[in-house]
């Protein structure tokens, strides 16, 4: 798993550690890492195409980050329900 996911969600580090065992979560994190790398690559091209591609990847990064956040919230809620159950 990419450290960039930890960097983006520092307040949720513990939840991420717990979620790492979930294959869907790991794949989502890999997608986020790849999108971030692509955005950086295209940003460094300093061309009109590079700026356009970077903007597209930044949108994808934002969408993937929102999905990560949603998964972490679900896992946090599920975890708190398990702890409260007798």
PDB file of N, CA and C in Angstrom:
ATOM      1  N   UNK A   1       0.855  -1.173   0.000  1.00  0.00           N
ATOM      2  CA  UNK A   1       0.000   0.000   0.000  1.00  0.00           C
ATOM      3  C   UNK A   1       0.900   1.236   0.000  1.00  0.00           C
ATOM      4  N   UNK A   2       0.452   2.212  -0.674  1.00  0.00           N
ATOM      5  CA  UNK A   2       1.211   3.440  -0.822  1.00  0.00           C
ATOM      6  C   UNK A   2       1.195   4.267   0.457  1.00  0.00           C
ATOM      7  N   UNK A   3       2.328   4.879   0.735  1.00  0.00           N
ATOM      8  CA  UNK A   3       2.372   5.810   1.859  1.00  0.00           C
ATOM      9  C   UNK A   3       1.554   7.050   1.566  1.00  0.00           C
ATOM     10  N   UNK A   4       1.315   7.339   0.274  1.00  0.00           N
ATOM     11  CA  UNK A   4       0.549   8.537  -0.052  1.00  0.00           C
ATOM     12  C   UNK A   4      -0.861   8.466   0.524  1.00  0.00           C
ATOM     13  N   UNK A   5      -1.407   7.283   0.638  1.00  0.00           N
ATOM     14  CA  UNK A   5      -2.729   7.140   1.247  1.00  0.00           C
ATOM     15  C   UNK A   5      -2.652   7.559   2.705  1.00  0.00           C
ATOM     16  N   UNK A   6      -1.591   7.151   3.391  1.00  0.00           N
ATOM     17  CA  UNK A   6      -1.400   7.593   4.770  1.00  0.00           C
ATOM     18  C   UNK A   6      -1.229   9.103   4.829  1.00  0.00           C
ATOM     19  N   UNK A   7      -0.505   9.660   3.859  1.00  0.00           N
ATOM     20  CA  UNK A   7      -0.277  11.107   3.831  1.00  0.00           C
ATOM     21  C   UNK A   7      -1.580  11.872   3.651  1.00  0.00           C
ATOM     22  N   UNK A   8      -2.456  11.367   2.798  1.00  0.00           N
ATOM     23  CA  UNK A   8      -3.730  12.046   2.527  1.00  0.00           C
ATOM     24  C   UNK A   8      -4.697  11.941   3.702  1.00  0.00           C
ATOM     25  N   UNK A   9      -4.608  10.852   4.429  1.00  0.00           N
ATOM     26  CA  UNK A   9      -5.581  10.580   5.487  1.00  0.00           C
ATOM     27  C   UNK A   9      -4.883  10.350   6.819  1.00  0.00           C
ATOM     28  N   UNK A  10      -4.027  11.274   7.214  1.00  0.00           N
ATOM     29  CA  UNK A  10      -3.241  11.093   8.439  1.00  0.00           C
ATOM     30  C   UNK A  10      -4.113  10.891   9.672  1.00  0.00           C
ATOM     31  N   UNK A  11      -5.249  11.537   9.734  1.00  0.00           N
ATOM     32  CA  UNK A  11      -6.129  11.404  10.893  1.00  0.00           C
ATOM     33  C   UNK A  11      -6.773  10.018  10.955  1.00  0.00           C
ATOM     34  N   UNK A  12      -6.743   9.300   9.869  1.00  0.00           N
ATOM     35  CA  UNK A  12      -7.372   7.979   9.810  1.00  0.00           C
ATOM     36  C   UNK A  12      -6.348   6.850   9.719  1.00  0.00           C
ATOM     37  N   UNK A  13      -5.155   7.109  10.158  1.00  0.00           N
ATOM     38  CA  UNK A  13      -4.079   6.125  10.034  1.00  0.00           C
ATOM     39  C   UNK A  13      -4.469   4.770  10.636  1.00  0.00           C
ATOM     40  N   UNK A  14      -5.079   4.772  11.799  1.00  0.00           N
ATOM     41  CA  UNK A  14      -5.461   3.500  12.439  1.00  0.00           C
ATOM     42  C   UNK A  14      -6.518   2.774  11.611  1.00  0.00           C
ATOM     43  N   UNK A  15      -7.499   3.500  11.112  1.00  0.00           N
ATOM     44  CA  UNK A  15      -8.535   2.879  10.286  1.00  0.00           C
ATOM     45  C   UNK A  15      -7.932   2.291   9.013  1.00  0.00           C
ATOM     46  N   UNK A  16      -6.945   2.982   8.454  1.00  0.00           N
ATOM     47  CA  UNK A  16      -6.282   2.466   7.254  1.00  0.00           C
ATOM     48  C   UNK A  16      -5.550   1.176   7.581  1.00  0.00           C
ATOM     49  N   UNK A  17      -4.867   1.139   8.702  1.00  0.00           N
ATOM     50  CA  UNK A  17      -4.156  -0.083   9.101  1.00  0.00           C
ATOM     51  C   UNK A  17      -5.122  -1.259   9.193  1.00  0.00           C
ATOM     52  N   UNK A  18      -6.297  -1.016   9.749  1.00  0.00           N
ATOM     53  CA  UNK A  18      -7.300  -2.072   9.884  1.00  0.00           C
ATOM     54  C   UNK A  18      -7.843  -2.463   8.508  1.00  0.00           C
ATOM     55  N   UNK A  19      -8.087  -1.469   7.654  1.00  0.00           N
ATOM     56  CA  UNK A  19      -8.696  -1.714   6.337  1.00  0.00           C
ATOM     57  C   UNK A  19      -7.744  -2.376   5.357  1.00  0.00           C
ATOM     58  N   UNK A  20      -6.465  -2.378   5.650  1.00  0.00           N
ATOM     59  CA  UNK A  20      -5.480  -2.946   4.716  1.00  0.00           C
ATOM     60  C   UNK A  20      -5.759  -4.391   4.354  1.00  0.00           C
ATOM     61  N   UNK A  21      -6.451  -5.102   5.205  1.00  0.00           N
ATOM     62  CA  UNK A  21      -6.727  -6.513   4.927  1.00  0.00           C
ATOM     63  C   UNK A  21      -7.826  -6.691   3.880  1.00  0.00           C
ATOM     64  N   UNK A  22      -8.509  -5.628   3.527  1.00  0.00           N
ATOM     65  CA  UNK A  22      -9.595  -5.678   2.551  1.00  0.00           C
ATOM     66  C   UNK A  22      -9.026  -5.493   1.141  1.00  0.00           C
ATOM     67  N   UNK A  23      -9.221  -6.493   0.274  1.00  0.00           N
ATOM     68  CA  UNK A  23      -8.686  -6.434  -1.087  1.00  0.00           C
ATOM     69  C   UNK A  23      -9.217  -5.247  -1.872  1.00  0.00           C
ATOM     70  N   UNK A  24     -10.506  -4.959  -1.743  1.00  0.00           N
ATOM     71  CA  UNK A  24     -11.088  -3.819  -2.460  1.00  0.00           C
ATOM     72  C   UNK A  24     -10.452  -2.511  -2.012  1.00  0.00           C
ATOM     73  N   UNK A  25     -10.222  -2.383  -0.727  1.00  0.00           N
ATOM     74  CA  UNK A  25      -9.599  -1.171  -0.203  1.00  0.00           C
ATOM     75  C   UNK A  25      -8.177  -1.035  -0.733  1.00  0.00           C
ATOM     76  N   UNK A  26      -7.423  -2.119  -0.718  1.00  0.00           N
ATOM     77  CA  UNK A  26      -6.045  -2.067  -1.228  1.00  0.00           C
ATOM     78  C   UNK A  26      -6.016  -1.694  -2.700  1.00  0.00           C
ATOM     79  N   UNK A  27      -6.918  -2.267  -3.500  1.00  0.00           N
ATOM     80  CA  UNK A  27      -6.970  -1.931  -4.923  1.00  0.00           C
ATOM     81  C   UNK A  27      -7.319  -0.465  -5.132  1.00  0.00           C
ATOM     82  N   UNK A  28      -8.230   0.040  -4.343  1.00  0.00           N
ATOM     83  CA  UNK A  28      -8.602   1.444  -4.427  1.00  0.00           C
ATOM     84  C   UNK A  28      -7.399   2.328  -4.096  1.00  0.00           C
ATOM     85  N   UNK A  29      -6.637   1.950  -3.085  1.00  0.00           N
ATOM     86  CA  UNK A  29      -5.437   2.701  -2.720  1.00  0.00           C
ATOM     87  C   UNK A  29      -4.388   2.650  -3.836  1.00  0.00           C
ATOM     88  N   UNK A  30      -4.256   1.491  -4.474  1.00  0.00           N
ATOM     89  CA  UNK A  30      -3.323   1.375  -5.598  1.00  0.00           C
ATOM     90  C   UNK A  30      -3.763   2.274  -6.752  1.00  0.00           C
ATOM     91  N   UNK A  31      -5.060   2.315  -7.019  1.00  0.00           N
ATOM     92  CA  UNK A  31      -5.575   3.201  -8.065  1.00  0.00           C
ATOM     93  C   UNK A  31      -5.297   4.657  -7.729  1.00  0.00           C
ATOM     94  N   UNK A  32      -5.488   5.023  -6.473  1.00  0.00           N
ATOM     95  CA  UNK A  32      -5.227   6.392  -6.036  1.00  0.00           C
ATOM     96  C   UNK A  32      -3.754   6.738  -6.227  1.00  0.00           C
ATOM     97  N   UNK A  33      -2.883   5.843  -5.850  1.00  0.00           N
ATOM     98  CA  UNK A  33      -1.446   6.063  -5.998  1.00  0.00           C
ATOM     99  C   UNK A  33      -1.059   6.214  -7.468  1.00  0.00           C
ATOM    100  N   UNK A  34      -1.614   5.366  -8.323  1.00  0.00           N
ATOM    101  CA  UNK A  34      -1.319   5.442  -9.759  1.00  0.00           C
ATOM    102  C   UNK A  34      -1.834   6.751 -10.359  1.00  0.00           C
ATOM    103  N   UNK A  35      -3.017   7.178  -9.948  1.00  0.00           N
ATOM    104  CA  UNK A  35      -3.581   8.433 -10.456  1.00  0.00           C
ATOM    105  C   UNK A  35      -2.744   9.619 -10.002  1.00  0.00           C
ATOM    106  N   UNK A  36      -2.262   9.580  -8.762  1.00  0.00           N
ATOM    107  CA  UNK A  36      -1.396  10.663  -8.273  1.00  0.00           C
ATOM    108  C   UNK A  36      -0.095  10.718  -9.073  1.00  0.00           C
ATOM    109  N   UNK A  37       0.481   9.555  -9.337  1.00  0.00           N
ATOM    110  CA  UNK A  37       1.723   9.508 -10.113  1.00  0.00           C
ATOM    111  C   UNK A  37       1.494  10.037 -11.531  1.00  0.00           C
ATOM    112  N   UNK A  38       0.394   9.662 -12.136  1.00  0.00           N
ATOM    113  CA  UNK A  38       0.087  10.143 -13.488  1.00  0.00           C
ATOM    114  C   UNK A  38      -0.124  11.654 -13.492  1.00  0.00           C
ATOM    115  N   UNK A  39      -0.809  12.162 -12.483  1.00  0.00           N
ATOM    116  CA  UNK A  39      -1.030  13.611 -12.392  1.00  0.00           C
ATOM    117  C   UNK A  39       0.306  14.342 -12.284  1.00  0.00           C
ATOM    118  N   UNK A  40       1.211  13.829 -11.462  1.00  0.00           N
ATOM    119  CA  UNK A  40       2.537  14.454 -11.309  1.00  0.00           C
ATOM    120  C   UNK A  40       3.319  14.384 -12.618  1.00  0.00           C
ATOM    121  N   UNK A  41       3.249  13.235 -13.269  1.00  0.00           N
ATOM    122  CA  UNK A  41       3.962  13.082 -14.548  1.00  0.00           C
ATOM    123  C   UNK A  41       3.480  14.119 -15.555  1.00  0.00           C
ATOM    124  N   UNK A  42       2.174  14.187 -15.766  1.00  0.00           N
ATOM    125  CA  UNK A  42       1.650  15.112 -16.765  1.00  0.00           C
ATOM    126  C   UNK A  42       1.870  16.564 -16.369  1.00  0.00           C
ATOM    127  N   UNK A  43       1.840  16.826 -15.077  1.00  0.00           N
ATOM    128  CA  UNK A  43       2.106  18.183 -14.592  1.00  0.00           C
ATOM    129  C   UNK A  43       3.520  18.621 -14.955  1.00  0.00           C
ATOM    130  N   UNK A  44       4.446  17.703 -14.945  1.00  0.00           N
ATOM    131  CA  UNK A  44       5.847  18.016 -15.229  1.00  0.00           C
ATOM    132  C   UNK A  44       6.131  18.210 -16.713  1.00  0.00           C
ATOM    133  N   UNK A  45       5.178  17.935 -17.578  1.00  0.00           N
ATOM    134  CA  UNK A  45       5.405  18.042 -19.018  1.00  0.00           C
ATOM    135  C   UNK A  45       5.374  19.486 -19.528  1.00  0.00           C
ATOM    136  N   UNK A  46       4.747  20.384 -18.805  1.00  0.00           N
ATOM    137  CA  UNK A  46       4.722  21.808 -19.153  1.00  0.00           C
ATOM    138  C   UNK A  46       4.257  22.065 -20.582  1.00  0.00           C
ATOM    139  N   UNK A  47       3.229  21.343 -20.975  1.00  0.00           N
ATOM    140  CA  UNK A  47       2.611  21.551 -22.289  1.00  0.00           C
ATOM    141  C   UNK A  47       1.113  21.687 -22.082  1.00  0.00           C
ATOM    142  N   UNK A  48       0.420  22.113 -23.123  1.00  0.00           N
ATOM    143  CA  UNK A  48      -1.037  22.196 -23.032  1.00  0.00           C
ATOM    144  C   UNK A  48      -1.639  20.821 -22.772  1.00  0.00           C
ATOM    145  N   UNK A  49      -1.124  19.826 -23.468  1.00  0.00           N
ATOM    146  CA  UNK A  49      -1.613  18.459 -23.262  1.00  0.00           C
ATOM    147  C   UNK A  49      -1.311  18.012 -21.836  1.00  0.00           C
ATOM    148  N   UNK A  50      -0.109  18.306 -21.360  1.00  0.00           N
ATOM    149  CA  UNK A  50       0.275  17.934 -20.004  1.00  0.00           C
ATOM    150  C   UNK A  50      -0.629  18.567 -18.959  1.00  0.00           C
ATOM    151  N   UNK A  51      -0.933  19.844 -19.140  1.00  0.00           N
ATOM    152  CA  UNK A  51      -1.825  20.528 -18.197  1.00  0.00           C
ATOM    153  C   UNK A  51      -3.226  19.919 -18.230  1.00  0.00           C
ATOM    154  N   UNK A  52      -3.705  19.601 -19.427  1.00  0.00           N
ATOM    155  CA  UNK A  52      -5.042  19.011 -19.552  1.00  0.00           C
ATOM    156  C   UNK A  52      -5.096  17.633 -18.903  1.00  0.00           C
ATOM    157  N   UNK A  53      -4.088  16.815 -19.192  1.00  0.00           N
ATOM    158  CA  UNK A  53      -4.055  15.463 -18.601  1.00  0.00           C
ATOM    159  C   UNK A  53      -3.900  15.532 -17.086  1.00  0.00           C
ATOM    160  N   UNK A  54      -3.060  16.433 -16.622  1.00  0.00           N
ATOM    161  CA  UNK A  54      -2.878  16.589 -15.188  1.00  0.00           C
ATOM    162  C   UNK A  54      -4.196  16.969 -14.524  1.00  0.00           C
ATOM    163  N   UNK A  55      -4.930  17.874 -15.134  1.00  0.00           N
ATOM    164  CA  UNK A  55      -6.225  18.287 -14.583  1.00  0.00           C
ATOM    165  C   UNK A  55      -7.186  17.099 -14.536  1.00  0.00           C
ATOM    166  N   UNK A  56      -7.185  16.282 -15.583  1.00  0.00           N
ATOM    167  CA  UNK A  56      -8.047  15.092 -15.608  1.00  0.00           C
ATOM    168  C   UNK A  56      -7.674  14.133 -14.482  1.00  0.00           C
ATOM    169  N   UNK A  57      -6.376  13.920 -14.304  1.00  0.00           N
ATOM    170  CA  UNK A  57      -5.937  13.006 -13.247  1.00  0.00           C
ATOM    171  C   UNK A  57      -6.190  13.596 -11.865  1.00  0.00           C
ATOM    172  N   UNK A  58      -6.113  14.889 -11.710  1.00  0.00           N
ATOM    173  CA  UNK A  58      -6.416  15.517 -10.416  1.00  0.00           C
ATOM    174  C   UNK A  58      -7.888  15.283 -10.045  1.00  0.00           C
ATOM    175  N   UNK A  59      -8.757  15.354 -11.031  1.00  0.00           N
ATOM    176  CA  UNK A  59     -10.178  15.060 -10.782  1.00  0.00           C
ATOM    177  C   UNK A  59     -10.324  13.606 -10.341  1.00  0.00           C
ATOM    178  N   UNK A  60      -9.642  12.709 -11.039  1.00  0.00           N
ATOM    179  CA  UNK A  60      -9.694  11.292 -10.673  1.00  0.00           C
ATOM    180  C   UNK A  60      -9.139  11.074  -9.267  1.00  0.00           C
ATOM    181  N   UNK A  61      -8.052  11.739  -8.940  1.00  0.00           N
ATOM    182  CA  UNK A  61      -7.470  11.628  -7.600  1.00  0.00           C
ATOM    183  C   UNK A  61      -8.493  12.054  -6.556  1.00  0.00           C
ATOM    184  N   UNK A  62      -9.169  13.167  -6.799  1.00  0.00           N
ATOM    185  CA  UNK A  62     -10.177  13.654  -5.853  1.00  0.00           C
ATOM    186  C   UNK A  62     -11.304  12.630  -5.691  1.00  0.00           C
ATOM    187  N   UNK A  63     -11.770  12.078  -6.802  1.00  0.00           N
ATOM    188  CA  UNK A  63     -12.856  11.089  -6.740  1.00  0.00           C
ATOM    189  C   UNK A  63     -12.419   9.839  -5.984  1.00  0.00           C
ATOM    190  N   UNK A  64     -11.209   9.369  -6.254  1.00  0.00           N
ATOM    191  CA  UNK A  64     -10.704   8.183  -5.556  1.00  0.00           C
ATOM    192  C   UNK A  64     -10.494   8.467  -4.069  1.00  0.00           C
ATOM    193  N   UNK A  65     -10.011   9.651  -3.752  1.00  0.00           N
ATOM    194  CA  UNK A  65      -9.834  10.031  -2.343  1.00  0.00           C
ATOM    195  C   UNK A  65     -11.177  10.045  -1.618  1.00  0.00           C
ATOM    196  N   UNK A  66     -12.203  10.505  -2.291  1.00  0.00           N
ATOM    197  CA  UNK A  66     -13.544  10.499  -1.695  1.00  0.00           C
ATOM    198  C   UNK A  66     -14.026   9.064  -1.467  1.00  0.00           C
ATOM    199  N   UNK A  67     -13.702   8.158  -2.393  1.00  0.00           N
ATOM    200  CA  UNK A  67     -14.070   6.753  -2.206  1.00  0.00           C
ATOM    201  C   UNK A  67     -13.324   6.142  -1.021  1.00  0.00           C
ATOM    202  N   UNK A  68     -12.048   6.470  -0.899  1.00  0.00           N
ATOM    203  CA  UNK A  68     -11.263   5.979   0.245  1.00  0.00           C
ATOM    204  C   UNK A  68     -11.894   6.471   1.539  1.00  0.00           C
ATOM    205  N   UNK A  69     -12.219   7.755   1.581  1.00  0.00           N
ATOM    206  CA  UNK A  69     -12.838   8.336   2.777  1.00  0.00           C
ATOM    207  C   UNK A  69     -14.154   7.627   3.104  1.00  0.00           C
ATOM    208  N   UNK A  70     -14.963   7.375   2.089  1.00  0.00           N
ATOM    209  CA  UNK A  70     -16.243   6.694   2.313  1.00  0.00           C
ATOM    210  C   UNK A  70     -16.030   5.283   2.855  1.00  0.00           C
ATOM    211  N   UNK A  71     -15.050   4.563   2.309  1.00  0.00           N
ATOM    212  CA  UNK A  71     -14.773   3.212   2.814  1.00  0.00           C
ATOM    213  C   UNK A  71     -14.295   3.254   4.255  1.00  0.00           C
ATOM    214  N   UNK A  72     -13.456   4.226   4.578  1.00  0.00           N
ATOM    215  CA  UNK A  72     -12.956   4.342   5.953  1.00  0.00           C
ATOM    216  C   UNK A  72     -14.085   4.672   6.921  1.00  0.00           C
ATOM    217  N   UNK A  73     -14.994   5.538   6.497  1.00  0.00           N
ATOM    218  CA  UNK A  73     -16.133   5.863   7.356  1.00  0.00           C
ATOM    219  C   UNK A  73     -16.989   4.634   7.605  1.00  0.00           C
ATOM    220  N   UNK A  74     -17.239   3.852   6.562  1.00  0.00           N
ATOM    221  CA  UNK A  74     -18.035   2.634   6.732  1.00  0.00           C
ATOM    222  C   UNK A  74     -17.353   1.661   7.677  1.00  0.00           C
ATOM    223  N   UNK A  75     -16.047   1.509   7.517  1.00  0.00           N
ATOM    224  CA  UNK A  75     -15.313   0.586   8.381  1.00  0.00           C
ATOM    225  C   UNK A  75     -15.298   1.087   9.815  1.00  0.00           C
ATOM    226  N   UNK A  76     -15.179   2.402   9.998  1.00  0.00           N
ATOM    227  CA  UNK A  76     -15.183   2.972  11.344  1.00  0.00           C
ATOM    228  C   UNK A  76     -16.536   2.743  12.009  1.00  0.00           C
ATOM    229  N   UNK A  77     -17.611   2.962  11.263  1.00  0.00           N
ATOM    230  CA  UNK A  77     -18.955   2.727  11.813  1.00  0.00           C
ATOM    231  C   UNK A  77     -19.164   1.259  12.137  1.00  0.00           C
ATOM    232  N   UNK A  78     -18.743   0.384  11.229  1.00  0.00           N
ATOM    233  CA  UNK A  78     -18.905  -1.052  11.462  1.00  0.00           C
ATOM    234  C   UNK A  78     -18.086  -1.485  12.668  1.00  0.00           C
ATOM    235  N   UNK A  79     -16.875  -0.950  12.798  1.00  0.00           N
ATOM    236  CA  UNK A  79     -16.027  -1.286  13.937  1.00  0.00           C
ATOM    237  C   UNK A  79     -16.601  -0.813  15.244  1.00  0.00           C
ATOM    238  N   UNK A  80     -17.209   0.370  15.254  1.00  0.00           N
ATOM    239  CA  UNK A  80     -17.774   0.875  16.504  1.00  0.00           C
ATOM    240  C   UNK A  80     -19.021   0.092  16.881  1.00  0.00           C
ATOM    241  N   UNK A  81     -19.767  -0.386  15.897  1.00  0.00           N
ATOM    242  CA  UNK A  81     -20.951  -1.220  16.206  1.00  0.00           C
ATOM    243  C   UNK A  81     -20.517  -2.557  16.804  1.00  0.00           C
ATOM    244  N   UNK A  82     -19.424  -3.126  16.293  1.00  0.00           N
ATOM    245  CA  UNK A  82     -18.955  -4.409  16.812  1.00  0.00           C
ATOM    246  C   UNK A  82     -18.502  -4.252  18.265  1.00  0.00           C
ATOM    247  N   UNK A  83     -17.833  -3.157  18.571  1.00  0.00           N
ATOM    248  CA  UNK A  83     -17.338  -2.945  19.942  1.00  0.00           C
ATOM    249  C   UNK A  83     -18.472  -2.741  20.914  1.00  0.00           C
ATOM    250  N   UNK A  84     -19.605  -2.189  20.473  1.00  0.00           N
ATOM    251  CA  UNK A  84     -20.730  -1.928  21.359  1.00  0.00           C
ATOM    252  C   UNK A  84     -21.589  -3.161  21.596  1.00  0.00           C
ATOM    253  N   UNK A  85     -21.517  -4.121  20.692  1.00  0.00           N
ATOM    254  CA  UNK A  85     -22.352  -5.315  20.827  1.00  0.00           C
ATOM    255  C   UNK A  85     -21.907  -6.145  22.017  1.00  0.00           C
ATOM    256  N   UNK A  86     -22.884  -6.707  22.773  1.00  0.00           N
ATOM    257  CA  UNK A  86     -22.510  -7.532  23.926  1.00  0.00           C
ATOM    258  C   UNK A  86     -21.952  -8.871  23.515  1.00  0.00           C
TER     259      UNK A  86
END
